[in-house]
Amino acid sequence: MTNEELLIKIEKLEKENEKLRGIETKTPEIKTYSFSQITEDELNSAVDIKENFQDDIIFDEWLKNNIIVSEETENFLSKLLKKNAKFIFSYNEDDLKIHFLAPILNKVDFFSLKDEVRAFYENVMTYKTDKFIFNGKVDFMFAKGLKRSEKPYFFIQEFKKGKKPTDPEPQLLAEMISAVELNKTTTIRGAFITGENWRFVILEKLGVNKYQYFLSETFNSTKIDDLKRIYKNLQFVKDEVFEMIKNEKK
């Protein structure tokens, strides 16, 4: 029995046990949280989630990958940086997406007609439980599906520092938790951006409504070496998903 199957079985048994003990005599109030507004305190009140500071090697495969950036791609990134570096921190949210982030994501090219996957922007996603609802629009999602998203694989939460008093970290984590539950898996990758800074995230499901997550070092996208590493990290995610789909077809 896989970890996913075991967790599903445990959840089912716990719900059946609650019914037998008469816990479900009245319907509890269901709180709704928006991905774009949820705070750290609200996330912690909805689920049991903690950052793991001890596992230093969990990012090794991902962030120390052997992907080679071609000369053509390096020239592309250098020109993009030369054009935008001085303005990235002052860009508004749409400027940052259109002028800087979208060209990078398009260069990675998350689209595959054969594998039926692509990038989705401002895509609506909802995860419902008997205690809370996570929903709203997701900044960036790499997912199975062409006309509509069917299975999320990777998220990016973008945040224009200083524009609004919200934190991208709990927003991203709420999206990742939703994806893990909807996919019935135990782990997923993501990233969040504050101005020029990127951090990559791994989330793991530990049990019923219980999770842990890991934060990477900070990558400064105004530095060409960091920008190349960001590109490689995104390329790794794409390649990993394509390989997973290939294995599923065997």
Protein backbone atom coordinates (compact mmCIF):
# COMPACT_ATOMS: atom_id res chain seq x y z
CA MET A 1 0.00 0.00 0.00
CA THR A 2 1.40 3.38 -1.00
CA ASN A 3 1.64 6.39 1.34
CA GLU A 4 -1.15 8.10 -0.58
CA GLU A 5 -3.45 5.08 -0.26
CA LEU A 6 -2.65 4.74 3.45
CA LEU A 7 -3.46 8.40 4.16
CA ILE A 8 -6.75 8.16 2.27
CA LYS A 9 -7.68 5.05 4.28
CA ILE A 10 -6.81 6.77 7.57
CA GLU A 11 -8.93 9.81 6.68
CA LYS A 12 -11.87 7.58 5.80
CA LEU A 13 -11.59 5.64 9.07
CA GLU A 14 -11.39 8.83 11.12
CA LYS A 15 -14.54 10.21 9.51
CA GLU A 16 -16.39 6.93 10.12
CA ASN A 17 -15.21 6.96 13.74
CA GLU A 18 -16.53 10.51 14.21
CA LYS A 19 -19.94 9.46 12.91
CA LEU A 20 -20.08 6.48 15.27
CA ARG A 21 -19.26 8.73 18.25
CA GLY A 22 -21.95 11.19 17.22
CA ILE A 23 -19.57 14.06 16.62
CA GLU A 24 -21.41 15.10 13.46
CA THR A 25 -24.63 16.00 15.26
CA LYS A 26 -24.47 19.57 13.99
CA THR A 27 -22.87 21.14 10.95
CA PRO A 28 -19.85 23.28 11.89
CA GLU A 29 -19.30 26.67 10.30
CA ILE A 30 -17.10 26.36 7.23
CA LYS A 31 -14.58 29.19 6.88
CA THR A 32 -13.50 30.29 3.40
CA TYR A 33 -9.96 31.55 2.70
CA SER A 34 -8.82 33.24 -0.49
CA PHE A 35 -5.41 32.27 -1.89
CA SER A 36 -4.60 35.92 -2.53
CA GLN A 37 -5.44 37.06 1.01
CA ILE A 38 -4.75 34.21 3.42
CA THR A 39 -2.30 35.06 6.20
CA GLU A 40 0.12 32.86 8.12
CA ASP A 41 -2.16 32.90 11.19
CA GLU A 42 -5.20 31.93 9.12
CA LEU A 43 -3.32 29.10 7.43
CA ASN A 44 -2.15 27.79 10.81
CA SER A 45 -5.71 27.91 12.15
CA ALA A 46 -6.96 25.86 9.19
CA VAL A 47 -4.26 23.18 9.06
CA ASP A 48 -1.34 21.81 11.06
CA ILE A 49 1.68 23.05 9.11
CA LYS A 50 5.27 23.70 10.13
CA GLU A 51 8.48 24.67 8.40
CA ASN A 52 11.22 22.02 8.60
CA PHE A 53 14.60 23.67 9.19
CA GLN A 54 16.64 20.47 9.62
CA ASP A 55 16.67 18.69 6.27
CA ASP A 56 19.48 20.48 4.41
CA ILE A 57 19.71 17.97 1.56
CA ILE A 58 16.07 17.85 0.43
CA PHE A 59 16.76 20.47 -2.26
CA ASP A 60 19.95 18.85 -3.56
CA GLU A 61 18.41 16.97 -6.49
CA TRP A 62 16.37 20.00 -7.54
CA LEU A 63 18.60 23.01 -6.93
CA LYS A 64 21.93 21.32 -7.60
CA ASN A 65 20.79 19.84 -10.89
CA ASN A 66 23.17 19.28 -13.81
CA ILE A 67 21.07 21.10 -16.42
CA ILE A 68 23.26 23.05 -18.83
CA VAL A 69 22.18 26.54 -19.89
CA SER A 70 22.92 26.95 -23.59
CA GLU A 71 24.79 29.96 -24.91
CA GLU A 72 21.65 31.10 -26.69
CA THR A 73 19.62 30.93 -23.46
CA GLU A 74 22.34 32.68 -21.47
CA ASN A 75 22.39 35.50 -24.03
CA PHE A 76 18.59 35.72 -23.82
CA LEU A 77 18.68 35.99 -20.01
CA SER A 78 21.50 38.55 -20.10
CA LYS A 79 19.59 40.78 -22.53
CA LEU A 80 16.40 40.43 -20.49
CA LEU A 81 18.27 41.38 -17.33
CA LYS A 82 20.05 44.32 -18.93
CA LYS A 83 16.69 45.68 -20.04
CA ASN A 84 14.81 45.17 -16.76
CA ALA A 85 17.21 44.87 -13.82
CA LYS A 86 17.03 48.51 -12.72
CA PHE A 87 13.23 48.50 -12.72
CA ILE A 88 12.28 45.09 -11.30
CA PHE A 89 11.80 46.28 -7.73
CA SER A 90 9.78 49.34 -8.81
CA TYR A 91 7.61 47.53 -11.37
CA ASN A 92 3.95 47.15 -10.51
CA GLU A 93 2.57 43.61 -10.52
CA ASP A 94 1.52 43.55 -14.17
CA ASP A 95 4.77 45.18 -15.34
CA LEU A 96 6.80 42.57 -13.48
CA LYS A 97 4.79 39.71 -15.00
CA ILE A 98 4.74 40.98 -18.57
CA HIS A 99 8.20 42.49 -18.91
CA PHE A 100 10.26 40.02 -16.86
CA LEU A 101 8.53 36.90 -15.55
CA ALA A 102 6.53 35.90 -18.64
CA PRO A 103 9.56 35.91 -20.99
CA ILE A 104 11.43 33.59 -18.59
CA LEU A 105 8.49 31.20 -18.23
CA ASN A 106 7.86 31.22 -21.97
CA LYS A 107 11.54 30.44 -22.56
CA VAL A 108 11.31 27.41 -20.26
CA ASP A 109 8.22 26.47 -22.30
CA PHE A 110 5.89 24.44 -20.11
CA PHE A 111 3.62 23.58 -23.07
CA SER A 112 3.31 20.11 -24.58
CA LEU A 113 0.46 19.17 -26.89
CA LYS A 114 1.51 15.52 -26.84
CA ASP A 115 1.55 15.29 -23.04
CA GLU A 116 -1.43 17.65 -22.67
CA VAL A 117 0.19 20.01 -20.17
CA ARG A 118 0.70 23.75 -20.12
CA ALA A 119 1.06 26.84 -17.93
CA PHE A 120 -2.12 28.43 -16.58
CA TYR A 121 -2.29 32.05 -15.40
CA GLU A 122 -4.93 33.45 -13.03
CA ASN A 123 -6.54 30.02 -12.93
CA VAL A 124 -9.34 29.38 -10.41
CA MET A 125 -8.84 26.48 -8.00
CA THR A 126 -10.95 25.29 -5.06
CA TYR A 127 -10.27 22.80 -2.28
CA LYS A 128 -13.16 22.06 0.11
CA THR A 129 -13.20 20.21 3.42
CA ASP A 130 -15.87 19.92 6.11
CA LYS A 131 -14.03 22.61 8.11
CA PHE A 132 -12.67 25.13 5.59
CA ILE A 133 -12.44 26.08 1.92
CA PHE A 134 -9.36 27.31 0.06
CA ASN A 135 -10.15 29.01 -3.23
CA GLY A 136 -9.27 31.82 -5.59
CA LYS A 137 -7.09 32.61 -8.58
CA VAL A 138 -3.59 31.16 -8.82
CA ASP A 139 -0.88 33.39 -10.32
CA PHE A 140 0.90 30.59 -12.18
CA MET A 141 0.20 26.87 -12.35
CA PHE A 142 1.91 24.18 -14.43
CA ALA A 143 -0.75 21.53 -14.81
CA LYS A 144 -2.17 18.65 -16.76
CA GLY A 145 -4.80 19.81 -19.23
CA LEU A 146 -5.02 22.06 -22.28
CA LYS A 147 -8.42 23.76 -22.19
CA ARG A 148 -8.72 23.53 -18.41
CA SER A 149 -6.40 22.53 -15.60
CA GLU A 150 -6.87 18.96 -14.41
CA LYS A 151 -3.88 18.11 -12.23
CA PRO A 152 -1.51 20.77 -10.81
CA TYR A 153 2.21 19.99 -10.73
CA PHE A 154 3.91 23.27 -9.82
CA PHE A 155 2.96 26.75 -8.60
CA ILE A 156 4.51 30.21 -8.60
CA GLN A 157 3.06 32.90 -6.34
CA GLU A 158 4.12 36.41 -7.33
CA PHE A 159 3.97 39.32 -4.91
CA LYS A 160 4.76 42.96 -5.58
CA LYS A 161 6.46 44.08 -2.37
CA GLY A 162 4.91 47.20 -0.93
CA LYS A 163 1.75 47.11 -3.05
CA LYS A 164 -0.42 45.24 -0.55
CA PRO A 165 0.10 43.99 3.02
CA THR A 166 -0.03 40.29 2.23
CA ASP A 167 2.59 37.56 2.39
CA PRO A 168 3.17 35.25 -0.60
CA GLU A 169 4.44 32.36 1.52
CA PRO A 170 1.10 31.28 3.13
CA GLN A 171 -0.66 32.03 -0.16
CA LEU A 172 1.62 29.59 -2.00
CA LEU A 173 1.37 26.99 0.77
CA ALA A 174 -2.44 27.08 0.65
CA GLU A 175 -2.29 26.46 -3.09
CA MET A 176 0.18 23.59 -2.64
CA ILE A 177 -1.91 21.99 0.12
CA SER A 178 -4.96 22.19 -2.15
CA ALA A 179 -3.06 20.54 -4.99
CA VAL A 180 -1.70 17.72 -2.81
CA GLU A 181 -5.21 16.94 -1.59
CA LEU A 182 -6.88 17.25 -4.99
CA ASN A 183 -4.17 15.11 -6.62
CA LYS A 184 -4.22 12.62 -3.73
CA THR A 185 -0.41 12.78 -3.50
CA THR A 186 1.97 13.58 -0.65
CA THR A 187 4.42 16.11 -2.08
CA ILE A 188 4.58 19.05 -4.51
CA ARG A 189 6.98 21.82 -5.53
CA GLY A 190 6.46 25.56 -5.82
CA ALA A 191 8.08 28.99 -5.67
CA PHE A 192 7.23 32.50 -4.56
CA ILE A 193 8.61 35.83 -5.70
CA THR A 194 8.99 39.11 -3.83
CA GLY A 195 10.28 41.74 -6.22
CA GLU A 196 13.60 40.45 -7.52
CA ASN A 197 13.89 37.60 -4.99
CA TRP A 198 12.83 34.00 -5.60
CA ARG A 199 12.50 31.17 -3.05
CA PHE A 200 11.65 27.59 -3.94
CA VAL A 201 9.42 25.43 -1.76
CA ILE A 202 8.75 21.73 -1.19
CA LEU A 203 5.59 20.73 0.67
CA GLU A 204 4.95 17.28 2.13
CA LYS A 205 1.78 15.79 3.59
CA LEU A 206 2.51 13.99 6.88
CA GLY A 207 -0.99 12.91 7.89
CA VAL A 208 -4.60 14.01 8.06
CA ASN A 209 -4.58 17.81 7.75
CA LYS A 210 -0.89 17.82 8.73
CA TYR A 211 1.98 19.13 6.57
CA GLN A 212 5.57 20.27 6.58
CA TYR A 213 7.42 22.48 4.14
CA PHE A 214 10.97 23.43 3.25
CA LEU A 215 12.25 26.80 2.00
CA SER A 216 15.26 27.17 -0.25
CA GLU A 217 17.91 29.85 -0.14
CA THR A 218 17.03 33.16 -1.79
CA PHE A 219 17.86 33.69 -5.47
CA ASN A 220 18.25 37.31 -6.61
CA SER A 221 16.97 37.50 -10.19
CA THR A 222 18.89 40.74 -10.86
CA LYS A 223 22.15 38.74 -10.66
CA ILE A 224 22.88 36.78 -13.83
CA ASP A 225 24.28 33.73 -12.01
CA ASP A 226 21.18 33.52 -9.82
CA LEU A 227 18.92 34.10 -12.81
CA LYS A 228 20.54 31.19 -14.64
CA ARG A 229 19.99 29.00 -11.58
CA ILE A 230 16.34 30.08 -11.42
CA TYR A 231 15.98 29.13 -15.08
CA LYS A 232 17.61 25.74 -14.43
CA ASN A 233 15.37 25.09 -11.43
CA LEU A 234 12.27 25.77 -13.52
CA GLN A 235 13.59 23.60 -16.34
CA PHE A 236 14.18 20.78 -13.83
CA VAL A 237 10.52 20.89 -12.74
CA LYS A 238 9.33 20.76 -16.34
CA ASP A 239 11.64 17.85 -17.22
CA GLU A 240 10.62 15.98 -14.07
CA VAL A 241 6.92 16.27 -14.90
CA PHE A 242 7.46 15.19 -18.51
CA GLU A 243 9.41 12.16 -17.29
CA MET A 244 6.66 11.30 -14.80
CA ILE A 245 4.02 11.48 -17.53
CA LYS A 246 6.20 9.31 -19.78
CA ASN A 247 6.46 6.65 -17.04
CA GLU A 248 2.70 6.76 -16.43
CA LYS A 249 2.09 5.91 -20.07
CA LYS A 250 4.24 2.76 -19.94
